[in-house]
């Protein structure tokens, strides 16, 4: 028997971390004396932290500044973060279908786990520091049939893993961009996911994924 496993991205898919990430960048800027446009940064969530840090700091300081940012993160980013509408219900729907819900994210794994614990979102596994096509490593390892994300990088990760790509238009990428990247399904947000999953499990392909 094959258990249905559904992977979820974290930032702007399960959680709205923009207020906390903005606060962390602002504190990083204040402590280093280096200007960081925190408002612009939170409009680009998805890729690894290193990509954003390179916009503001010289290459030789990227590793150092990422470490400083991650040190600040628990104090500045966790409390302001909220669950996205439908997030808890989406994981509950997977479990109601007899499946497992995992989180695969580019975020630093300890930070991802802090967010989920603070918000009471209980995933069966959390795998961090994987972006775009690299997410396929964890999706394959956990035999995920579906991957849900808000970024074109998430679509690429799902397709690389040969998982069904379900995109939610709640992050920096529009529904049109997600479709153009190859998403199999595009939802407005996670409030639509439970109904979609019911249909997916009920049809031939979904039933096979859930029980073969």
Protein backbone atom coordinates (compact mmCIF):
# COMPACT_ATOMS: atom_id res chain seq x y z
CA UNK A 1 0.00 0.00 0.00
CA UNK A 2 1.32 3.41 -1.00
CA UNK A 3 0.44 6.29 1.31
CA UNK A 4 -0.51 9.58 -0.30
CA UNK A 5 2.19 12.10 0.60
CA UNK A 6 1.68 15.79 -0.10
CA UNK A 7 4.53 18.27 0.18
CA UNK A 8 4.02 21.92 1.03
CA UNK A 9 6.27 24.93 0.67
CA UNK A 10 6.41 27.22 3.72
CA UNK A 11 6.76 30.98 3.11
CA UNK A 12 3.64 32.44 1.46
CA UNK A 13 2.19 28.95 1.05
CA UNK A 14 1.57 27.81 4.64
CA UNK A 15 2.68 30.96 6.47
CA UNK A 16 2.74 34.71 5.88
CA UNK A 17 6.20 35.46 7.23
CA UNK A 18 6.52 38.89 5.62
CA UNK A 19 6.10 40.98 8.80
CA UNK A 20 8.70 38.93 10.69
CA UNK A 21 11.17 38.79 7.83
CA UNK A 22 10.83 42.53 7.33
CA UNK A 23 11.55 43.11 11.01
CA UNK A 24 14.59 40.84 10.83
CA UNK A 25 16.03 42.66 7.82
CA UNK A 26 15.44 45.99 9.51
CA UNK A 27 17.32 44.82 12.59
CA UNK A 28 20.13 43.42 10.43
CA UNK A 29 20.39 46.80 8.71
CA UNK A 30 20.43 48.66 12.02
CA UNK A 31 23.12 46.41 13.49
CA UNK A 32 25.41 46.46 10.47
CA UNK A 33 24.86 50.01 9.27
CA UNK A 34 24.16 48.65 5.78
CA UNK A 35 20.97 49.70 4.03
CA UNK A 36 18.59 46.85 3.25
CA UNK A 37 15.29 47.58 1.52
CA UNK A 38 13.22 45.27 3.69
CA UNK A 39 9.99 46.06 1.85
CA UNK A 40 11.52 45.00 -1.45
CA UNK A 41 13.05 41.90 0.12
CA UNK A 42 9.72 40.57 1.36
CA UNK A 43 8.33 40.91 -2.14
CA UNK A 44 10.87 38.38 -3.37
CA UNK A 45 10.33 35.53 -0.89
CA UNK A 46 11.06 32.05 -2.15
CA UNK A 47 14.74 31.76 -3.13
CA UNK A 48 17.43 31.04 -0.52
CA UNK A 49 18.46 33.75 1.93
CA UNK A 50 21.89 34.01 0.31
CA UNK A 51 20.37 35.41 -2.89
CA UNK A 52 18.82 38.35 -1.03
CA UNK A 53 21.85 39.00 1.18
CA UNK A 54 24.04 39.28 -1.95
CA UNK A 55 21.99 42.29 -3.04
CA UNK A 56 23.13 44.30 0.00
CA UNK A 57 26.48 42.93 1.14
CA UNK A 58 29.75 42.13 -0.70
CA UNK A 59 30.36 38.52 -1.64
CA UNK A 60 32.96 38.00 1.07
CA UNK A 61 30.41 38.89 3.78
CA UNK A 62 27.46 36.80 2.59
CA UNK A 63 28.15 33.79 4.82
CA UNK A 64 28.74 36.03 7.84
CA UNK A 65 25.59 38.10 7.27
CA UNK A 66 23.43 35.03 6.73
CA UNK A 67 24.62 33.75 10.10
CA UNK A 68 23.80 37.10 11.73
CA UNK A 69 20.35 37.14 10.12
CA UNK A 70 19.61 33.60 11.26
CA UNK A 71 20.74 34.49 14.77
CA UNK A 72 18.27 37.39 14.84
CA UNK A 73 15.44 35.42 13.25
CA UNK A 74 13.96 33.67 16.29
CA UNK A 75 13.56 36.95 18.21
CA UNK A 76 12.20 39.04 15.34
CA UNK A 77 10.44 36.78 12.83
CA UNK A 78 8.52 34.08 14.68
CA UNK A 79 5.94 35.97 16.72
CA UNK A 80 4.69 38.29 13.91
CA UNK A 81 4.16 35.43 11.44
CA UNK A 82 0.66 34.14 10.82
CA UNK A 83 -0.72 31.03 9.16
CA UNK A 84 -2.03 31.56 5.66
CA UNK A 85 -5.80 31.16 5.25
CA UNK A 86 -6.59 27.48 4.83
CA UNK A 87 -3.15 26.25 5.91
CA UNK A 88 -4.22 24.14 8.86
CA UNK A 89 -7.26 22.89 6.96
CA UNK A 90 -5.04 21.83 4.04
CA UNK A 91 -2.89 19.60 6.23
CA UNK A 92 -6.01 18.26 7.94
CA UNK A 93 -7.46 17.38 4.53
CA UNK A 94 -4.37 15.36 3.64
CA UNK A 95 -4.65 13.42 6.88
CA UNK A 96 -8.39 12.93 6.40
CA UNK A 97 -7.52 11.28 3.09
CA UNK A 98 -5.19 8.90 4.95
CA UNK A 99 -2.08 10.74 3.79
CA UNK A 100 1.07 12.39 5.14
CA UNK A 101 1.83 16.11 4.94
CA UNK A 102 5.46 17.21 4.73
CA UNK A 103 7.08 20.65 4.44
CA UNK A 104 9.91 21.16 1.94
CA UNK A 105 11.31 24.68 2.01
CA UNK A 106 14.32 26.80 1.11
CA UNK A 107 14.20 28.24 4.62
CA UNK A 108 16.81 27.29 7.21
CA UNK A 109 15.31 24.14 8.73
CA UNK A 110 15.52 25.17 12.43
CA UNK A 111 13.68 28.41 11.57
CA UNK A 112 11.02 26.50 9.63
CA UNK A 113 10.43 24.23 12.61
CA UNK A 114 10.15 27.23 14.96
CA UNK A 115 7.43 28.72 12.75
CA UNK A 116 5.42 25.53 12.61
CA UNK A 117 5.68 24.90 16.34
CA UNK A 118 4.68 28.49 17.17
CA UNK A 119 1.62 28.27 14.89
CA UNK A 120 0.65 24.74 15.91
CA UNK A 121 1.01 23.38 12.39
CA UNK A 122 2.05 19.75 12.70
CA UNK A 123 3.86 18.34 9.68
CA UNK A 124 4.96 14.73 9.38
CA UNK A 125 8.42 15.86 8.25
CA UNK A 126 10.18 19.19 7.73
CA UNK A 127 13.06 19.48 5.27
CA UNK A 128 14.83 22.82 4.86
CA UNK A 129 17.51 24.51 2.74
CA UNK A 130 16.21 23.12 -0.57
CA UNK A 131 15.27 25.42 -3.43
CA UNK A 132 13.65 24.87 -6.82
CA UNK A 133 14.88 21.68 -8.53
CA UNK A 134 16.76 20.64 -5.37
CA UNK A 135 13.39 20.22 -3.62
CA UNK A 136 12.96 17.09 -5.70
CA UNK A 137 15.51 15.35 -3.47
CA UNK A 138 13.16 15.43 -0.48
CA UNK A 139 10.02 14.91 -2.55
CA UNK A 140 11.46 11.74 -4.02
CA UNK A 141 12.79 10.54 -0.67
CA UNK A 142 9.32 10.85 0.86
CA UNK A 143 7.55 9.56 -2.29
CA UNK A 144 5.45 12.71 -2.56
CA UNK A 145 2.75 12.55 -5.22
CA UNK A 146 1.84 16.25 -4.93
CA UNK A 147 3.82 19.39 -4.11
CA UNK A 148 2.07 22.64 -3.22
CA UNK A 149 3.87 25.97 -3.50
CA UNK A 150 3.53 29.62 -4.44
CA UNK A 151 6.65 30.18 -6.55
CA UNK A 152 7.77 29.11 -10.02
CA UNK A 153 10.73 27.50 -8.23
CA UNK A 154 8.24 25.25 -6.44
CA UNK A 155 6.74 24.28 -9.77
CA UNK A 156 10.18 23.33 -11.05
CA UNK A 157 10.84 21.27 -7.91
CA UNK A 158 7.58 19.36 -8.32
CA UNK A 159 8.17 18.69 -11.99
CA UNK A 160 11.74 17.52 -11.36
CA UNK A 161 10.37 15.06 -8.79
CA UNK A 162 7.61 14.00 -11.21
CA UNK A 163 5.06 15.08 -8.61
CA UNK A 164 1.84 16.90 -9.44
CA UNK A 165 2.47 20.64 -9.14
CA UNK A 166 -0.31 22.46 -7.28
CA UNK A 167 0.36 26.19 -7.14
CA UNK A 168 -1.28 28.83 -4.97
CA UNK A 169 -1.23 32.43 -6.15
CA UNK A 170 -0.47 33.84 -2.71
CA UNK A 171 3.22 34.69 -3.12
CA UNK A 172 5.33 36.78 -5.49
CA UNK A 173 4.29 34.88 -8.64
CA UNK A 174 1.01 35.49 -10.43
CA UNK A 175 -1.35 32.72 -11.46
CA UNK A 176 -0.30 33.33 -15.07
CA UNK A 177 3.39 32.97 -14.19
CA UNK A 178 2.70 29.76 -12.29
CA UNK A 179 0.77 28.29 -15.21
CA UNK A 180 3.48 29.33 -17.66
CA UNK A 181 6.07 27.58 -15.45
CA UNK A 182 4.13 24.33 -15.83
CA UNK A 183 1.89 24.10 -12.76
CA UNK A 184 -0.67 21.35 -13.18
CA UNK A 185 -3.21 23.07 -10.93
CA UNK A 186 -3.42 26.74 -9.86
CA UNK A 187 -5.55 27.67 -6.84
CA UNK A 188 -6.32 31.14 -5.54
CA UNK A 189 -5.17 30.12 -2.06
CA UNK A 190 -5.14 27.16 0.31
CA UNK A 191 -8.80 27.58 1.22
CA UNK A 192 -9.46 25.87 -2.13
CA UNK A 193 -7.10 22.97 -1.47
CA UNK A 194 -9.35 20.64 0.57
CA UNK A 195 -12.03 20.65 -2.11
CA UNK A 196 -9.44 20.05 -4.81
CA UNK A 197 -7.88 17.18 -2.83
CA UNK A 198 -11.27 15.51 -2.40
CA UNK A 199 -11.70 15.53 -6.16
CA UNK A 200 -8.13 14.37 -6.74
CA UNK A 201 -8.49 11.39 -4.41
CA UNK A 202 -11.90 10.52 -5.82
CA UNK A 203 -10.77 10.31 -9.43
CA UNK A 204 -8.79 7.40 -10.86
CA UNK A 205 -5.35 9.00 -10.68
CA UNK A 206 -5.87 10.34 -7.16
CA UNK A 207 -7.20 7.05 -5.87
CA UNK A 208 -4.20 5.26 -7.32
CA UNK A 209 -1.80 7.69 -5.73
CA UNK A 210 -3.50 7.25 -2.38
CA UNK A 211 -3.70 3.47 -2.27
CA UNK A 212 -1.52 1.63 -4.79
